[in-house]
N, C-alpha and C. Protein backbone atom coordinates (compact mmCIF):
# COMPACT_ATOMS: atom_id res chain seq x y z
N MET A 1 175.14 242.56 137.56
CA MET A 1 173.56 242.69 136.86
C MET A 1 172.77 242.77 136.69
N PRO A 2 171.65 243.36 136.73
CA PRO A 2 170.60 243.51 136.75
C PRO A 2 169.86 242.36 136.47
N ARG A 3 168.22 242.90 137.31
CA ARG A 3 167.56 241.09 137.54
C ARG A 3 167.10 240.64 136.73
N GLU A 4 166.86 241.41 135.31
CA GLU A 4 166.16 240.99 134.83
C GLU A 4 166.32 240.31 133.43
N LEU A 5 167.96 241.13 133.30
CA LEU A 5 168.86 240.85 132.49
C LEU A 5 169.51 239.07 132.83
N ARG A 6 169.56 239.22 133.86
CA ARG A 6 169.69 237.61 134.44
C ARG A 6 169.26 236.72 134.04
N PHE A 7 167.47 237.16 134.73
CA PHE A 7 166.42 236.17 134.22
C PHE A 7 166.60 235.15 132.83
N LEU A 8 166.55 236.92 132.03
CA LEU A 8 166.51 236.26 130.48
C LEU A 8 167.94 235.56 130.27
N LYS A 9 168.73 235.52 130.74
CA LYS A 9 169.64 234.95 130.11
C LYS A 9 169.89 233.81 130.86
N GLY A 10 169.17 233.47 132.01
CA GLY A 10 168.96 231.62 132.46
C GLY A 10 167.56 231.34 131.80
N LEU A 11 166.84 232.31 130.29
CA LEU A 11 165.84 231.27 129.91
C LEU A 11 166.57 230.75 128.38
N VAL A 12 167.67 232.59 128.65
CA VAL A 12 168.33 231.23 127.53
C VAL A 12 168.95 230.00 127.26
N THR A 13 169.71 230.80 127.85
CA THR A 13 170.11 229.07 128.62
C THR A 13 169.58 228.11 128.60
N LEU A 14 168.24 227.93 129.28
CA LEU A 14 167.86 226.29 128.91
C LEU A 14 166.93 226.35 127.95
N LEU A 15 166.45 227.48 127.80
CA LEU A 15 166.39 226.54 126.39
C LEU A 15 166.93 226.32 124.99
N THR A 16 168.42 227.22 125.01
CA THR A 16 169.33 226.39 124.25
C THR A 16 169.73 224.72 124.37
N ALA A 17 170.16 224.78 126.05
CA ALA A 17 169.58 223.10 126.47
C ALA A 17 168.82 222.17 126.39
N VAL A 18 167.41 222.97 126.07
CA VAL A 18 166.47 221.68 125.60
C VAL A 18 166.54 221.64 124.16
N MET A 19 166.60 222.42 123.40
CA MET A 19 166.97 222.24 121.70
C MET A 19 167.88 221.28 121.64
N ILE A 20 169.26 221.44 122.91
CA ILE A 20 170.05 220.30 122.16
C ILE A 20 170.05 218.76 122.06
N VAL A 21 169.14 219.17 123.33
CA VAL A 21 168.80 218.00 124.10
C VAL A 21 167.17 216.88 123.19
N GLY A 22 166.91 218.16 122.65
CA GLY A 22 165.55 217.57 121.11
C GLY A 22 166.62 216.96 119.96
N LEU A 23 167.63 217.82 120.16
CA LEU A 23 168.26 217.20 118.46
C LEU A 23 168.45 216.36 118.77
N ILE A 24 168.82 216.04 120.45
CA ILE A 24 170.22 214.71 119.84
C ILE A 24 168.72 213.66 120.18
N THR A 25 168.23 213.63 120.61
CA THR A 25 166.86 212.94 120.28
C THR A 25 166.78 212.08 118.51
N VAL A 26 165.98 213.41 118.33
CA VAL A 26 165.69 213.75 116.92
C VAL A 26 166.86 212.59 116.06
N VAL A 27 168.25 213.59 116.43
CA VAL A 27 169.51 211.85 115.35
C VAL A 27 169.10 210.72 115.63
N ALA A 28 168.87 209.73 116.76
CA ALA A 28 169.14 209.05 117.92
C ALA A 28 167.99 208.18 116.95
N LEU A 29 167.21 208.72 117.30
CA LEU A 29 165.65 208.18 116.48
C LEU A 29 166.12 207.90 115.47
N LEU A 30 165.96 208.45 114.62
CA LEU A 30 166.71 208.63 112.88
C LEU A 30 168.23 207.46 112.44
N VAL A 31 168.51 207.02 113.61
CA VAL A 31 169.90 206.46 114.38
C VAL A 31 169.36 204.33 113.93
N ILE A 32 168.08 205.13 114.53
CA ILE A 32 168.33 203.81 115.45
C ILE A 32 166.57 203.17 115.01
N ARG A 33 166.27 204.11 113.52
CA ARG A 33 165.05 203.45 113.39
C ARG A 33 165.55 203.64 111.37
N LEU A 34 166.86 203.85 110.91
CA LEU A 34 166.42 203.76 109.29
C LEU A 34 168.02 203.01 109.97
N ASN A 35 168.43 201.80 110.93
CA ASN A 35 169.46 201.24 110.72
C ASN A 35 168.40 199.81 110.60
N GLY A 36 167.74 199.40 111.38
CA GLY A 36 166.51 198.78 111.47
C GLY A 36 166.50 197.12 110.00
N ASP A 37 166.21 196.51 110.39
CA ASP A 37 165.73 195.56 108.81
C ASP A 37 164.67 195.90 108.11
N GLY A 38 164.65 196.35 107.05
CA GLY A 38 163.87 197.62 106.74
C GLY A 38 164.05 196.64 105.43
N THR A 39 164.16 195.68 105.26
CA THR A 39 163.13 194.71 103.71
C THR A 39 162.33 193.55 104.08
N PRO A 40 161.30 194.62 103.26
CA PRO A 40 159.56 193.48 103.89
C PRO A 40 160.31 192.73 102.63
N THR A 41 159.34 191.62 102.99
CA THR A 41 159.10 190.53 102.65
C THR A 41 157.86 190.68 102.08
N LEU A 42 158.21 190.58 100.46
CA LEU A 42 157.15 191.03 99.42
C LEU A 42 156.70 189.89 99.31
N VAL A 43 154.71 189.44 99.43
CA VAL A 43 154.17 187.94 98.41
C VAL A 43 153.07 188.94 97.52
N ALA A 44 152.90 188.03 96.99
CA ALA A 44 151.31 188.34 95.77
C ALA A 44 150.92 186.40 96.26
N PRO A 45 149.31 187.05 96.13
CA PRO A 45 148.36 186.74 96.24
C PRO A 45 149.08 184.93 95.19
N GLU A 46 149.03 184.68 94.57
CA GLU A 46 149.77 183.45 94.11
C GLU A 46 150.53 182.71 94.20
N ASP A 47 151.86 183.67 95.26
CA ASP A 47 152.75 182.56 96.15
C ASP A 47 151.45 181.43 96.69
N PHE A 48 150.48 181.84 97.07
CA PHE A 48 149.79 180.68 97.73
C PHE A 48 148.78 179.11 96.76
N THR A 49 148.99 178.65 98.03
CA THR A 49 147.80 177.93 97.23
C THR A 49 146.27 177.44 97.33
N LEU A 50 145.62 178.39 96.22
CA LEU A 50 143.73 178.15 96.44
C LEU A 50 143.15 177.21 95.57
N PRO A 51 142.54 176.73 96.48
CA PRO A 51 141.79 175.61 96.25
C PRO A 51 141.12 175.80 94.39
N GLU A 52 141.45 174.95 93.52
CA GLU A 52 140.71 174.49 91.66
C GLU A 52 139.86 175.79 92.21
N GLY A 53 139.68 176.70 91.03
CA GLY A 53 138.41 177.78 90.29
C GLY A 53 138.39 179.38 91.62
N VAL A 54 139.19 179.18 92.98
CA VAL A 54 139.03 180.00 93.70
C VAL A 54 140.18 181.16 92.91
N THR A 55 139.66 182.42 92.09
CA THR A 55 140.63 183.56 92.65
C THR A 55 140.63 184.30 93.27
N ALA A 56 141.72 184.75 93.84
CA ALA A 56 142.69 186.45 95.01
C ALA A 56 141.88 187.05 94.28
N THR A 57 140.85 187.88 95.48
CA THR A 57 139.95 189.21 94.94
C THR A 57 140.43 189.99 95.40
N GLY A 58 142.00 189.53 97.15
CA GLY A 58 142.43 190.62 97.74
C GLY A 58 143.09 189.62 98.85
N TRP A 59 144.04 191.04 99.45
CA TRP A 59 144.94 189.89 100.16
C TRP A 59 145.46 191.32 100.66
N SER A 60 145.97 190.69 102.19
CA SER A 60 146.15 191.21 103.01
C SER A 60 147.94 190.72 103.74
N GLN A 61 149.14 192.04 104.29
CA GLN A 61 149.97 191.23 104.87
C GLN A 61 150.24 191.76 106.04
N THR A 62 150.37 190.26 107.00
CA THR A 62 151.03 191.44 108.69
C THR A 62 152.06 190.39 108.82
N GLY A 63 152.76 191.18 109.73
CA GLY A 63 154.10 191.08 109.97
C GLY A 63 154.22 189.41 109.57
N ARG A 64 153.68 188.12 110.59
CA ARG A 64 153.33 187.33 110.64
C ARG A 64 152.73 186.51 110.09
N HIS A 65 151.39 187.08 109.13
CA HIS A 65 150.07 186.28 107.98
C HIS A 65 150.87 186.45 106.97
N VAL A 66 149.76 186.65 106.00
CA VAL A 66 148.73 186.43 104.71
C VAL A 66 148.34 186.64 104.54
N VAL A 67 146.97 187.28 104.84
CA VAL A 67 145.28 187.35 104.72
C VAL A 67 145.36 187.17 103.53
N VAL A 68 144.05 186.18 102.61
CA VAL A 68 143.78 185.62 101.46
C VAL A 68 142.36 185.49 100.89
N THR A 69 141.65 187.01 100.43
CA THR A 69 140.11 186.54 100.19
C THR A 69 139.56 186.82 98.86
N GLY A 70 139.20 185.13 98.70
CA GLY A 70 138.72 184.68 97.08
C GLY A 70 137.54 184.97 97.20
N ASP A 71 136.72 185.23 96.15
CA ASP A 71 136.29 184.58 94.81
C ASP A 71 135.17 184.33 96.03
N ASP A 72 134.90 183.34 96.32
CA ASP A 72 133.82 182.11 97.29
C ASP A 72 133.82 182.45 98.85
N GLY A 73 133.63 183.96 98.22
CA GLY A 73 134.09 183.96 100.06
C GLY A 73 134.22 183.24 101.23
N VAL A 74 135.17 182.96 101.12
CA VAL A 74 136.00 182.54 102.24
C VAL A 74 137.93 182.99 102.69
N ILE A 75 137.33 183.55 103.78
CA ILE A 75 139.68 184.41 103.70
C ILE A 75 139.93 183.08 104.35
N ARG A 76 140.95 183.36 103.50
CA ARG A 76 141.86 181.77 104.44
C ARG A 76 143.13 182.91 104.51
N VAL A 77 144.37 182.33 105.60
CA VAL A 77 144.69 183.04 106.14
C VAL A 77 146.47 182.16 106.42
N TYR A 78 147.11 183.07 105.71
CA TYR A 78 148.50 181.66 105.61
C TYR A 78 150.07 182.26 106.57
N ASP A 79 150.39 181.20 107.05
CA ASP A 79 151.61 181.75 107.27
C ASP A 79 152.78 182.11 105.79
N ALA A 80 153.43 182.99 106.84
CA ALA A 80 153.86 184.14 106.09
C ALA A 80 155.30 183.68 105.62
N GLU A 81 155.59 182.99 105.76
CA GLU A 81 156.93 182.50 106.42
C GLU A 81 157.30 180.43 105.17
N THR A 82 155.91 179.68 105.99
CA THR A 82 156.41 178.71 105.11
C THR A 82 154.82 179.15 104.43
N ARG A 83 153.86 179.51 103.42
CA ARG A 83 153.37 179.19 103.08
C ARG A 83 151.70 178.63 103.09
N ASP A 84 152.34 177.61 104.41
CA ASP A 84 150.67 176.84 104.98
C ASP A 84 150.14 177.60 105.83
N LEU A 85 148.72 176.88 104.93
CA LEU A 85 147.58 177.55 105.43
C LEU A 85 147.04 177.03 106.84
N THR A 86 146.82 178.54 108.06
CA THR A 86 147.14 177.75 108.89
C THR A 86 145.04 178.15 109.54
N ARG A 87 144.23 179.04 108.51
CA ARG A 87 143.12 179.28 109.06
C ARG A 87 142.10 179.58 107.71
N GLU A 88 140.12 178.82 107.90
CA GLU A 88 139.77 179.88 107.08
C GLU A 88 138.03 180.18 107.23
N ILE A 89 138.39 181.86 107.11
CA ILE A 89 136.55 182.00 107.82
C ILE A 89 136.14 181.77 106.74
N ASN A 90 134.80 181.26 106.64
CA ASN A 90 133.67 181.62 106.07
C ASN A 90 133.37 182.12 105.73
N LEU A 91 133.05 183.66 105.33
CA LEU A 91 132.11 184.92 104.74
C LEU A 91 130.20 183.94 105.11
N SER A 92 130.63 183.25 104.44
CA SER A 92 128.48 183.56 104.15
C SER A 92 128.08 182.68 105.35
N GLU A 93 128.53 182.03 106.06
CA GLU A 93 128.02 181.31 106.81
C GLU A 93 126.75 182.45 107.89
């Protein structure tokens, strides 16, 4: 077999091996990602106790905390599971 043909055969074999490893990696990552606990905890600002006369103007959720911004200029941080107020940040100071 000519030298150039052996080189080309080696390149094709290497490319085939890399593509197989890449395909296995993509399938494994998809299986890992899709089998995870994908049910998010949905919350609404109405689920949290705000002071009398304050309405929520915005809210955000992370894994463990819910942040509710009130129309009084105070950011309130709540625990996502217990719904307890953990911190208040006054923006008007």
